[in-house]
Amino acid sequence: MKKNKIFPLLVVLALLLTAAAPAALAVEPAPALDGQAALVVDLDSGNILLDLNKDQQRAPASLTKVMTTLLALEALEAGRASLDDRVTAQDDCRQGMDESSSTAGIAPGIVVSFRELLYVTMVGSANEACNVIGSYLAGSVDKFVEQMNERAVQLGCTQTHFKNTNGLPAEGHVSTAWDLYLITREAMKHPLFMELANTASYEPESIDVNGGAVMYSSNALLTPYGHYGAGYEYPYASGVKTGFTQAAGYCLISTAEKEGVRALVIVMGCRGLLNAQINEYRNFSDTIHLYDWVFQNFSYQTVLAASETVQKVPVEFAQDDGQVILHAIQDVSILLPNDVDLTTRRTQVTLYEQKLRAPIEKGTVLGEARIFIGDTPYGTVKLVNAVPVELARGQYMLQQLRAVFSKGWVLAVIGVLLVLFLAYLILVTRYRRLRRKHLKERRLAEQRRQAQREAMQRAAETAAELDGQWKDLY
């Protein structure tokens, strides 16, 4: 009876615990967005975490200034300009601007430093500062815009075309979220860019710039004192650039980092006060929702350990089993949804050489593995051998001999050498035979001459003896 009472209690307790347990691996759906285009990218790997019309051409507004700043920073690194250069604003520096255009109050003839131009471009989004930079670096604004388009092509942008330096409304001035990511990614390689993009406030060097008054960043993620007010500060955010025109809507490129997760978010075509008469700027709220979604639902997971065997590859002339074991050069950790099924992981190996031959030193990079989870590629990793591969010398020498003797011309040469060697043996044998015969004949002739000399000597001795005896008779 006791057993019958206890068992139902255990079942009920198990059900209660199951219901109370959090769904740790469940990933929330991406948030609904106000914007017309959006892109979320893992900054470490470049993998796309979310894509909404990333290749749709749209007016980029002041996001254009990222490209202007990139070219300025590249000019600094190339030595074509310096931060302390004194630059005079040209007569047409305010070209295309109206009363609503963001400005630092730079008028024609004003002299400012190149450094100041960069800060008021990125912090104050000053449109005339972009024109002054372009004219100073390229000789004219139009030539600088040509350079902007050329650089966009070099970076792989296929849907971008600039008509001006600052993003003011212009027919055919377009880009995409993906192309803007490519441009921003390149700009972020320059430390000064993120310093500029992450500056919350800037006090001008000159009274001629913004009347000497402090300029606040238009990025409300960074500061509540800018044009868009308070309520959007995000403690994990840094950079990059805001933008707005009626054609573009409210736009924002930004980055954020939390607990080692680094992401970049681009939103375009959002609503706000001036284009939808709502008391909210959805480019900021969309961005915050996307960051929260990433940080709550994604984490770095080891998908391939350096200790794991990726593939065994045959090696010619190798000792032991004649194979090399390939490993990842390091552990591969990728930012992935928390509920990803890692059992679907697979690797696609590419060897740098079709045939591997011993010896191979430990740690030699022999190929690379492209990592897939399901059908989605997540980058590549170099493959190395964890232990050296020693040369089997006997096998190697035998193979070399086989290789040599398998060649027709080698056999022909050997045949010729054998014929010559046989001919040499025949000639030497004949020579030695003739020499022995000659020596024998010389010995016989010498023996005959010696016998003749001895016979003549004996005859002489006999004659002398007879002559003596004859004298004795008489």
Protein backbone atom coordinates (compact mmCIF):
# COMPACT_ATOMS: atom_id res chain seq x y z
CA MET A 1 0.00 0.00 0.00
CA LYS A 2 2.86 2.40 0.81
CA LYS A 3 4.42 1.81 -2.59
CA ASN A 4 1.16 2.66 -4.34
CA LYS A 5 0.96 6.00 -2.50
CA ILE A 6 4.57 6.99 -3.02
CA PHE A 7 4.69 6.32 -6.77
CA PRO A 8 1.95 8.85 -7.74
CA LEU A 9 3.65 11.46 -5.55
CA LEU A 10 6.95 10.92 -7.40
CA VAL A 11 5.23 11.27 -10.76
CA VAL A 12 3.54 14.53 -9.70
CA LEU A 13 6.84 15.89 -8.36
CA ALA A 14 8.65 15.02 -11.61
CA LEU A 15 5.98 16.76 -13.66
CA LEU A 16 6.18 19.86 -11.48
CA LEU A 17 9.98 20.02 -11.79
CA THR A 18 9.74 19.58 -15.56
CA ALA A 19 7.23 22.40 -15.84
CA ALA A 20 9.34 24.68 -13.65
CA ALA A 21 12.62 24.04 -15.52
CA PRO A 22 13.56 26.88 -17.89
CA ALA A 23 13.91 26.13 -21.59
CA ALA A 24 17.59 27.05 -21.55
CA LEU A 25 18.21 26.12 -25.15
CA ALA A 26 15.12 27.71 -26.65
CA VAL A 27 15.96 30.64 -28.91
CA GLU A 28 13.48 33.48 -29.11
CA PRO A 29 12.35 34.62 -32.56
CA ALA A 30 14.06 37.71 -33.92
CA PRO A 31 12.22 40.87 -32.85
CA ALA A 32 9.74 42.52 -35.19
CA LEU A 33 11.44 45.55 -36.73
CA ASP A 34 10.21 48.95 -37.79
CA GLY A 35 13.00 49.40 -40.35
CA GLN A 36 12.87 48.41 -44.00
CA ALA A 37 16.34 46.84 -43.98
CA ALA A 38 18.56 45.43 -41.26
CA LEU A 39 21.71 43.41 -40.81
CA VAL A 40 23.28 41.84 -37.72
CA VAL A 41 26.82 40.50 -38.04
CA ASP A 42 29.15 38.73 -35.63
CA LEU A 43 32.20 41.01 -35.71
CA ASP A 44 34.64 38.21 -34.90
CA SER A 45 33.67 35.80 -37.67
CA GLY A 46 31.73 37.98 -40.11
CA ASN A 47 28.83 35.52 -39.95
CA ILE A 48 25.37 36.99 -40.51
CA LEU A 49 23.06 36.55 -37.53
CA LEU A 50 20.06 38.35 -39.05
CA ASP A 51 19.27 39.68 -42.50
CA LEU A 52 16.33 41.82 -43.56
CA ASN A 53 16.66 43.04 -47.15
CA LYS A 54 20.42 43.41 -46.76
CA ASP A 55 20.90 43.78 -50.53
CA GLN A 56 18.05 46.22 -51.10
CA GLN A 57 19.26 49.54 -52.49
CA ARG A 58 18.28 52.46 -50.29
CA ALA A 59 19.31 56.06 -49.69
CA PRO A 60 22.05 55.86 -47.02
CA ALA A 61 21.82 59.49 -45.80
CA SER A 62 24.73 60.37 -43.47
CA LEU A 63 25.91 56.75 -43.29
CA THR A 64 27.76 57.92 -46.40
CA LYS A 65 30.16 59.75 -44.08
CA VAL A 66 31.71 56.41 -43.08
CA MET A 67 33.19 56.13 -46.57
CA THR A 68 34.34 59.79 -46.53
CA THR A 69 36.09 59.18 -43.21
CA LEU A 70 37.62 55.93 -44.44
CA LEU A 71 39.27 57.68 -47.40
CA ALA A 72 40.51 60.43 -45.10
CA LEU A 73 42.10 57.88 -42.74
CA GLU A 74 43.71 56.05 -45.65
CA ALA A 75 45.15 59.39 -46.85
CA LEU A 76 46.63 59.90 -43.38
CA GLU A 77 48.25 56.47 -43.41
CA ALA A 78 49.59 57.04 -46.93
CA GLY A 79 51.20 60.32 -45.87
CA ARG A 80 49.03 62.43 -48.18
CA ALA A 81 47.67 64.34 -45.20
CA SER A 82 48.32 64.78 -41.49
CA LEU A 83 46.04 65.55 -38.57
CA ASP A 84 47.74 68.92 -38.06
CA ASP A 85 47.28 70.09 -41.66
CA ARG A 86 45.59 73.50 -41.88
CA VAL A 87 42.76 73.29 -44.41
CA THR A 88 40.89 76.21 -45.95
CA ALA A 89 37.21 75.69 -46.70
CA GLN A 90 36.51 76.18 -50.40
CA ASP A 91 33.81 78.43 -51.84
CA ASP A 92 31.43 75.55 -52.60
CA CYS A 93 31.88 73.72 -49.31
CA ARG A 94 28.18 74.22 -48.45
CA GLN A 95 26.99 72.93 -51.80
CA GLY A 96 23.65 71.09 -51.61
CA MET A 97 22.92 72.16 -48.05
CA ASP A 98 19.77 73.89 -46.80
CA GLU A 99 18.66 75.20 -43.43
CA SER A 100 17.80 71.70 -42.16
CA SER A 101 21.20 70.25 -43.03
CA SER A 102 23.46 69.29 -40.14
CA THR A 103 26.42 71.64 -40.03
CA ALA A 104 29.37 72.79 -37.95
CA GLY A 105 29.02 76.33 -39.26
CA ILE A 106 32.17 76.16 -41.37
CA ALA A 107 32.02 78.95 -43.98
CA PRO A 108 34.17 79.46 -47.11
CA GLY A 109 37.60 80.80 -46.23
CA ILE A 110 37.61 79.39 -42.69
CA VAL A 111 40.85 77.55 -41.83
CA VAL A 112 40.56 74.44 -39.66
CA SER A 113 42.77 71.47 -38.87
CA PHE A 114 42.32 68.17 -40.66
CA ARG A 115 41.78 66.59 -37.24
CA GLU A 116 38.88 68.92 -36.51
CA LEU A 117 37.28 68.14 -39.86
CA LEU A 118 37.26 64.42 -38.98
CA TYR A 119 35.70 64.99 -35.56
CA VAL A 120 32.94 67.31 -36.75
CA THR A 121 32.19 64.87 -39.60
CA MET A 122 31.70 61.86 -37.33
CA VAL A 123 30.46 63.53 -34.12
CA GLY A 124 28.48 66.48 -35.47
CA SER A 125 27.65 64.92 -38.87
CA ALA A 126 28.70 68.23 -40.49
CA ASN A 127 27.95 68.05 -44.20
CA GLU A 128 30.24 70.92 -45.21
CA ALA A 129 33.17 69.28 -43.41
CA CYS A 130 32.86 66.29 -45.78
CA ASN A 131 33.10 68.59 -48.79
CA VAL A 132 36.14 70.35 -47.34
CA ILE A 133 37.86 66.97 -46.77
CA GLY A 134 37.04 65.80 -50.29
CA SER A 135 38.26 68.96 -51.98
CA TYR A 136 41.46 69.00 -49.92
CA LEU A 137 42.37 65.37 -50.69
CA ALA A 138 41.28 65.11 -54.33
CA GLY A 139 41.39 68.68 -55.62
CA SER A 140 37.63 68.87 -56.00
CA VAL A 141 34.51 67.39 -54.46
CA ASP A 142 33.58 65.63 -57.70
CA LYS A 143 36.96 63.88 -57.97
CA PHE A 144 36.71 62.78 -54.37
CA VAL A 145 33.26 61.29 -55.04
CA GLU A 146 34.82 59.34 -57.93
CA GLN A 147 37.39 57.97 -55.48
CA MET A 148 34.60 57.00 -53.09
CA ASN A 149 32.94 54.94 -55.82
CA GLU A 150 36.21 53.34 -56.86
CA ARG A 151 36.95 52.34 -53.28
CA ALA A 152 33.47 50.91 -52.88
CA VAL A 153 34.08 48.61 -55.85
CA GLN A 154 37.43 47.54 -54.39
CA LEU A 155 35.70 46.58 -51.14
CA GLY A 156 33.22 44.36 -52.97
CA CYS A 157 30.25 46.72 -52.88
CA THR A 158 28.01 45.85 -55.82
CA GLN A 159 24.91 47.94 -55.07
CA THR A 160 26.47 51.24 -54.01
CA HIS A 161 26.83 54.49 -55.91
CA PHE A 162 27.69 57.82 -54.33
CA LYS A 163 26.74 61.20 -55.75
CA ASN A 164 28.17 63.33 -52.93
CA THR A 165 30.44 63.15 -49.88
CA ASN A 166 27.83 63.44 -47.16
CA GLY A 167 24.59 61.67 -48.07
CA LEU A 168 22.44 64.71 -48.78
CA PRO A 169 19.45 63.80 -51.00
CA ALA A 170 20.53 63.09 -54.59
CA GLU A 171 19.01 60.93 -57.31
CA GLY A 172 20.97 57.70 -57.64
CA HIS A 173 22.84 58.09 -54.33
CA VAL A 174 22.26 54.55 -52.99
CA SER A 175 23.76 51.75 -50.97
CA THR A 176 22.67 48.62 -49.08
CA ALA A 177 23.00 47.34 -45.56
CA TRP A 178 25.51 44.73 -46.75
CA ASP A 179 27.65 47.21 -48.69
CA LEU A 180 27.64 49.59 -45.73
CA TYR A 181 28.84 46.71 -43.55
CA LEU A 182 31.75 46.10 -45.94
CA ILE A 183 32.69 49.79 -45.80
CA THR A 184 32.34 50.00 -42.02
CA ARG A 185 34.32 46.80 -41.49
CA GLU A 186 37.21 48.30 -43.46
CA ALA A 187 36.99 51.61 -41.60
CA MET A 188 37.08 49.81 -38.25
CA LYS A 189 40.54 48.47 -39.10
CA HIS A 190 41.79 52.00 -38.39
CA PRO A 191 41.94 52.66 -34.62
CA LEU A 192 41.23 56.36 -35.13
CA PHE A 193 37.92 55.56 -36.80
CA MET A 194 36.41 53.95 -33.70
CA GLU A 195 37.86 56.75 -31.58
CA LEU A 196 35.99 59.24 -33.76
CA ALA A 197 32.83 57.15 -33.99
CA ASN A 198 32.69 56.57 -30.24
CA THR A 199 33.20 60.20 -29.22
CA ALA A 200 30.11 61.32 -27.33
CA SER A 201 31.00 65.02 -27.31
CA TYR A 202 33.58 67.24 -28.96
CA GLU A 203 34.73 70.75 -28.14
CA PRO A 204 35.99 72.54 -31.27
CA GLU A 205 39.52 73.91 -31.44
CA SER A 206 38.33 77.04 -33.21
CA ILE A 207 35.62 79.57 -32.43
CA ASP A 208 34.78 79.42 -36.14
CA VAL A 209 33.55 75.84 -35.78
CA ASN A 210 30.05 75.55 -34.30
CA GLY A 211 30.65 78.94 -32.69
CA GLY A 212 33.10 77.19 -30.35
CA ALA A 213 30.22 75.33 -28.67
CA VAL A 214 30.46 71.67 -27.70
CA MET A 215 29.07 69.26 -30.29
CA TYR A 216 27.28 66.12 -29.09
CA SER A 217 27.11 62.87 -31.00
CA SER A 218 23.89 62.21 -32.86
CA ASN A 219 24.15 58.59 -31.74
CA ALA A 220 21.68 58.43 -28.86
CA LEU A 221 23.03 55.02 -27.85
CA LEU A 222 26.13 56.86 -26.61
CA THR A 223 24.77 60.05 -25.06
CA PRO A 224 21.43 61.58 -24.04
CA TYR A 225 22.62 65.08 -24.93
CA GLY A 226 22.52 64.80 -28.70
CA HIS A 227 19.86 65.78 -31.21
CA TYR A 228 17.63 62.75 -30.49
CA GLY A 229 17.50 63.18 -26.72
CA ALA A 230 17.47 60.67 -23.86
CA GLY A 231 16.01 57.23 -23.41
CA TYR A 232 18.15 55.25 -25.85
CA GLU A 233 21.47 54.95 -23.99
CA TYR A 234 22.88 51.43 -24.34
CA PRO A 235 25.79 50.60 -22.02
CA TYR A 236 27.37 48.04 -24.35
CA ALA A 237 27.31 50.21 -27.50
CA SER A 238 30.13 51.98 -29.31
CA GLY A 239 30.04 54.01 -32.56
CA VAL A 240 29.32 54.30 -35.42
CA LYS A 241 27.04 56.70 -37.37
CA THR A 242 23.46 57.92 -37.66
CA GLY A 243 21.68 59.16 -40.75
CA PHE A 244 18.37 60.70 -41.75
CA THR A 245 16.70 62.15 -44.80
CA GLN A 246 13.06 61.87 -45.84
CA ALA A 247 14.11 59.45 -48.57
CA ALA A 248 16.32 57.35 -46.30
CA GLY A 249 14.31 57.39 -43.10
CA TYR A 250 16.14 57.05 -39.81
CA CYS A 251 19.30 54.93 -40.11
CA LEU A 252 22.02 53.74 -37.75
CA ILE A 253 25.23 51.73 -37.89
CA SER A 254 26.52 50.69 -34.47
CA THR A 255 28.50 48.06 -32.61
CA ALA A 256 28.13 46.56 -29.15
CA GLU A 257 30.00 44.09 -26.97
CA LYS A 258 28.76 42.13 -23.98
CA GLU A 259 30.54 39.27 -22.22
CA GLY A 260 32.85 38.69 -25.16
CA VAL A 261 30.11 38.74 -27.82
CA ARG A 262 30.78 41.48 -30.39
CA ALA A 263 28.10 42.40 -32.91
CA LEU A 264 27.45 45.06 -35.53
CA VAL A 265 23.90 46.20 -36.33
CA ILE A 266 22.71 48.23 -39.31
CA VAL A 267 19.13 49.45 -39.57
CA MET A 268 17.77 51.56 -42.43
CA GLY A 269 14.42 53.11 -43.32
CA CYS A 270 13.05 53.46 -39.79
CA ARG A 271 10.30 55.82 -38.70
CA GLY A 272 10.59 58.79 -36.35
CA LEU A 273 9.40 62.28 -35.63
CA LEU A 274 10.11 63.92 -38.97
CA ASN A 275 8.88 61.20 -41.32
CA ALA A 276 6.06 59.60 -39.32
CA GLN A 277 5.21 62.20 -36.65
CA ILE A 278 5.78 59.68 -33.85
CA ASN A 279 7.53 60.60 -30.65
CA GLU A 280 10.13 57.84 -31.00
CA TYR A 281 13.17 57.19 -33.14
CA ARG A 282 12.83 53.60 -34.20
CA ASN A 283 16.39 53.28 -35.55
CA PHE A 284 17.56 53.30 -31.92
CA SER A 285 14.80 51.10 -30.53
CA ASP A 286 15.22 48.57 -33.38
CA THR A 287 18.95 48.47 -32.71
CA ILE A 288 18.54 47.94 -28.96
CA HIS A 289 16.02 45.14 -29.54
CA LEU A 290 18.43 43.43 -31.94
CA TYR A 291 21.36 43.64 -29.52
CA ASP A 292 19.25 42.29 -26.65
CA TRP A 293 18.11 39.43 -28.89
CA VAL A 294 21.72 38.56 -29.84
CA PHE A 295 23.08 38.71 -26.29
CA GLN A 296 20.22 36.61 -24.90
CA ASN A 297 20.09 33.96 -27.62
CA PHE A 298 23.61 33.53 -28.96
CA SER A 299 26.83 32.31 -27.36
CA TYR A 300 30.26 31.12 -28.43
CA GLN A 301 30.38 27.36 -28.80
CA THR A 302 33.34 25.15 -29.63
CA VAL A 303 32.43 23.41 -32.87
CA LEU A 304 35.86 21.89 -33.57
CA ALA A 305 38.53 21.16 -30.96
CA ALA A 306 42.21 21.22 -31.86
CA SER A 307 42.57 17.76 -30.33
CA GLU A 308 39.94 16.27 -32.64
CA THR A 309 40.96 14.21 -35.66
CA VAL A 310 39.59 15.92 -38.77
CA GLN A 311 40.94 13.54 -41.38
CA LYS A 312 43.66 10.94 -42.01
CA VAL A 313 45.63 11.41 -45.20
CA PRO A 314 48.05 8.95 -46.87
CA VAL A 315 51.68 10.08 -46.99
CA GLU A 316 54.20 8.62 -49.42
CA PHE A 317 57.44 7.20 -47.93
CA ALA A 318 56.15 7.60 -44.37
CA GLN A 319 57.14 5.30 -41.52
CA ASP A 320 54.64 3.32 -39.48
CA ASP A 321 51.15 3.33 -41.02
CA GLY A 322 52.00 5.81 -43.80
CA GLN A 323 49.35 8.34 -42.76
CA VAL A 324 49.18 11.80 -41.24
CA ILE A 325 46.40 12.89 -38.89
CA LEU A 326 45.08 16.40 -39.52
CA HIS A 327 43.89 18.63 -36.68
CA ALA A 328 42.54 22.16 -36.51
CA ILE A 329 45.37 24.59 -35.77
CA GLN A 330 43.33 25.84 -32.79
CA ASP A 331 39.95 25.35 -31.15
CA VAL A 332 37.20 26.82 -33.29
CA SER A 333 34.53 28.69 -31.35
CA ILE A 334 31.65 30.29 -33.25
CA LEU A 335 28.85 32.57 -32.15
CA LEU A 336 25.77 30.38 -32.59
CA PRO A 337 22.15 30.19 -31.46
CA ASN A 338 21.97 28.57 -28.04
CA ASP A 339 19.79 25.74 -29.39
CA VAL A 340 21.99 24.86 -32.37
CA ASP A 341 22.29 21.14 -33.07
CA LEU A 342 26.06 20.55 -33.19
CA THR A 343 25.54 16.95 -34.26
CA THR A 344 24.87 18.30 -37.75
CA ARG A 345 28.38 19.74 -37.92
CA ARG A 346 30.53 18.56 -40.81
CA THR A 347 33.81 19.59 -42.36
CA GLN A 348 34.88 19.92 -45.97
CA VAL A 349 38.65 19.41 -46.22
CA THR A 350 40.85 20.97 -48.88
CA LEU A 351 44.49 19.86 -49.06
CA TYR A 352 47.06 22.33 -50.35
CA GLU A 353 48.93 19.52 -52.14
CA GLN A 354 47.39 16.57 -53.94
CA LYS A 355 50.07 14.16 -52.68
CA LEU A 356 51.84 14.40 -49.35
CA ARG A 357 55.36 13.07 -48.98
CA ALA A 358 57.46 12.41 -45.93
CA PRO A 359 59.20 13.89 -44.08
CA ILE A 360 56.71 16.43 -42.69
CA GLU A 361 57.61 18.59 -39.69
CA LYS A 362 55.21 18.87 -36.78
CA GLY A 363 52.75 21.76 -37.12
CA THR A 364 52.98 22.05 -40.91
CA VAL A 365 49.88 23.69 -42.42
CA LEU A 366 48.68 21.06 -44.89
CA GLY A 367 45.20 22.30 -45.76
CA GLU A 368 42.04 23.81 -44.40
CA ALA A 369 38.59 22.67 -43.32
CA ARG A 370 35.41 24.53 -44.10
CA ILE A 371 32.95 24.10 -41.25
CA PHE A 372 29.24 23.55 -41.86
CA ILE A 373 26.41 23.22 -39.40
CA GLY A 374 23.65 21.69 -41.41
CA ASP A 375 23.95 23.38 -44.79
CA THR A 376 25.20 26.71 -43.41
CA PRO A 377 28.92 27.48 -43.77
CA TYR A 378 30.62 29.04 -40.75
CA GLY A 379 34.13 29.78 -41.96
CA THR A 380 37.37 27.84 -42.35
CA VAL A 381 40.28 26.78 -40.16
CA LYS A 382 43.84 25.77 -41.06
CA LEU A 383 44.76 22.09 -40.64
CA VAL A 384 48.10 20.90 -39.27
CA ASN A 385 49.76 17.64 -38.20
CA ALA A 386 50.23 17.27 -34.45
CA VAL A 387 53.22 14.90 -34.74
CA PRO A 388 56.09 14.77 -37.25
CA VAL A 389 55.98 12.27 -40.11
CA GLU A 390 59.32 10.50 -40.50
CA LEU A 391 60.79 9.30 -43.79
CA ALA A 392 60.97 5.52 -44.44
CA ARG A 393 64.39 5.63 -46.15
CA GLY A 394 64.40 2.07 -47.51
CA GLN A 395 61.02 2.51 -49.14
CA TYR A 396 62.06 5.89 -50.46
CA MET A 397 65.27 4.56 -52.07
CA LEU A 398 63.40 1.62 -53.61
CA GLN A 399 60.79 3.93 -55.03
CA GLN A 400 63.45 6.24 -56.41
CA LEU A 401 65.17 3.32 -58.13
CA ARG A 402 61.88 2.13 -59.57
CA ALA A 403 61.15 5.59 -60.80
CA VAL A 404 64.54 5.85 -62.46
CA PHE A 405 64.37 2.47 -64.16
CA SER A 406 60.80 3.01 -65.32
CA LYS A 407 62.00 5.67 -67.76
CA GLY A 408 62.68 4.48 -71.32
CA TRP A 409 65.62 6.75 -71.98
CA VAL A 410 67.31 5.51 -68.80
CA LEU A 411 67.00 1.91 -70.01
CA ALA A 412 68.39 2.92 -73.41
CA VAL A 413 71.39 4.59 -71.78
CA ILE A 414 71.97 1.54 -69.58
CA GLY A 415 71.80 -0.69 -72.67
CA VAL A 416 74.36 1.43 -74.46
CA LEU A 417 76.60 1.38 -71.40
CA LEU A 418 76.32 -2.42 -71.18
CA VAL A 419 77.27 -2.79 -74.87
CA LEU A 420 80.21 -0.48 -74.36
CA PHE A 421 81.21 -2.37 -71.23
CA LEU A 422 81.04 -5.73 -73.08
CA ALA A 423 83.05 -4.29 -75.93
CA TYR A 424 85.56 -3.02 -73.41
CA LEU A 425 85.77 -6.48 -71.81
CA ILE A 426 86.31 -8.11 -75.21
CA LEU A 427 89.01 -5.63 -76.15
CA VAL A 428 90.72 -5.97 -72.79
CA THR A 429 90.56 -9.75 -72.99
CA ARG A 430 92.03 -9.75 -76.51
CA TYR A 431 94.67 -7.29 -75.50
CA ARG A 432 95.65 -9.37 -72.51
CA ARG A 433 95.74 -12.55 -74.64
CA LEU A 434 97.92 -10.89 -77.27
CA ARG A 435 100.13 -9.44 -74.59
CA ARG A 436 100.59 -12.83 -72.97
CA LYS A 437 101.40 -14.33 -76.39
CA HIS A 438 103.83 -11.55 -77.09
CA LEU A 439 105.49 -11.96 -73.72
CA LYS A 440 105.69 -15.70 -74.25
CA GLU A 441 107.31 -15.25 -77.65
CA ARG A 442 109.75 -12.77 -76.16
CA ARG A 443 110.65 -15.27 -73.44
CA LEU A 444 111.15 -18.04 -76.00
CA ALA A 445 113.28 -15.78 -78.20
CA GLU A 446 115.33 -14.76 -75.18
CA GLN A 447 115.71 -18.38 -74.19
CA ARG A 448 116.92 -19.22 -77.73
CA ARG A 449 119.39 -16.36 -77.68
CA GLN A 450 120.57 -17.43 -74.25
CA ALA A 451 121.01 -21.03 -75.49
CA GLN A 452 122.95 -19.73 -78.48
CA ARG A 453 125.19 -17.65 -76.23
CA GLU A 454 125.78 -20.58 -73.94
CA ALA A 455 126.52 -22.86 -76.95
CA MET A 456 128.94 -20.36 -78.39
CA GLN A 457 130.60 -19.99 -75.00
CA ARG A 458 130.94 -23.74 -74.66
CA ALA A 459 132.33 -23.96 -78.23
CA ALA A 460 134.79 -21.23 -77.40
CA GLU A 461 135.79 -22.98 -74.23
CA THR A 462 136.15 -26.30 -76.11
CA ALA A 463 138.26 -24.66 -78.83
CA ALA A 464 140.49 -23.09 -76.24
CA GLU A 465 140.87 -26.38 -74.47
CA LEU A 466 141.75 -28.14 -77.74
CA ASP A 467 144.15 -25.41 -78.63
CA GLY A 468 145.92 -25.89 -75.29
CA GLN A 469 146.12 -29.59 -75.75
CA TRP A 470 147.54 -29.11 -79.23
CA LYS A 471 150.26 -26.92 -77.95
CA ASP A 472 151.15 -29.49 -75.28
CA LEU A 473 151.68 -32.13 -78.04
CA TYR A 474 154.14 -30.02 -79.76
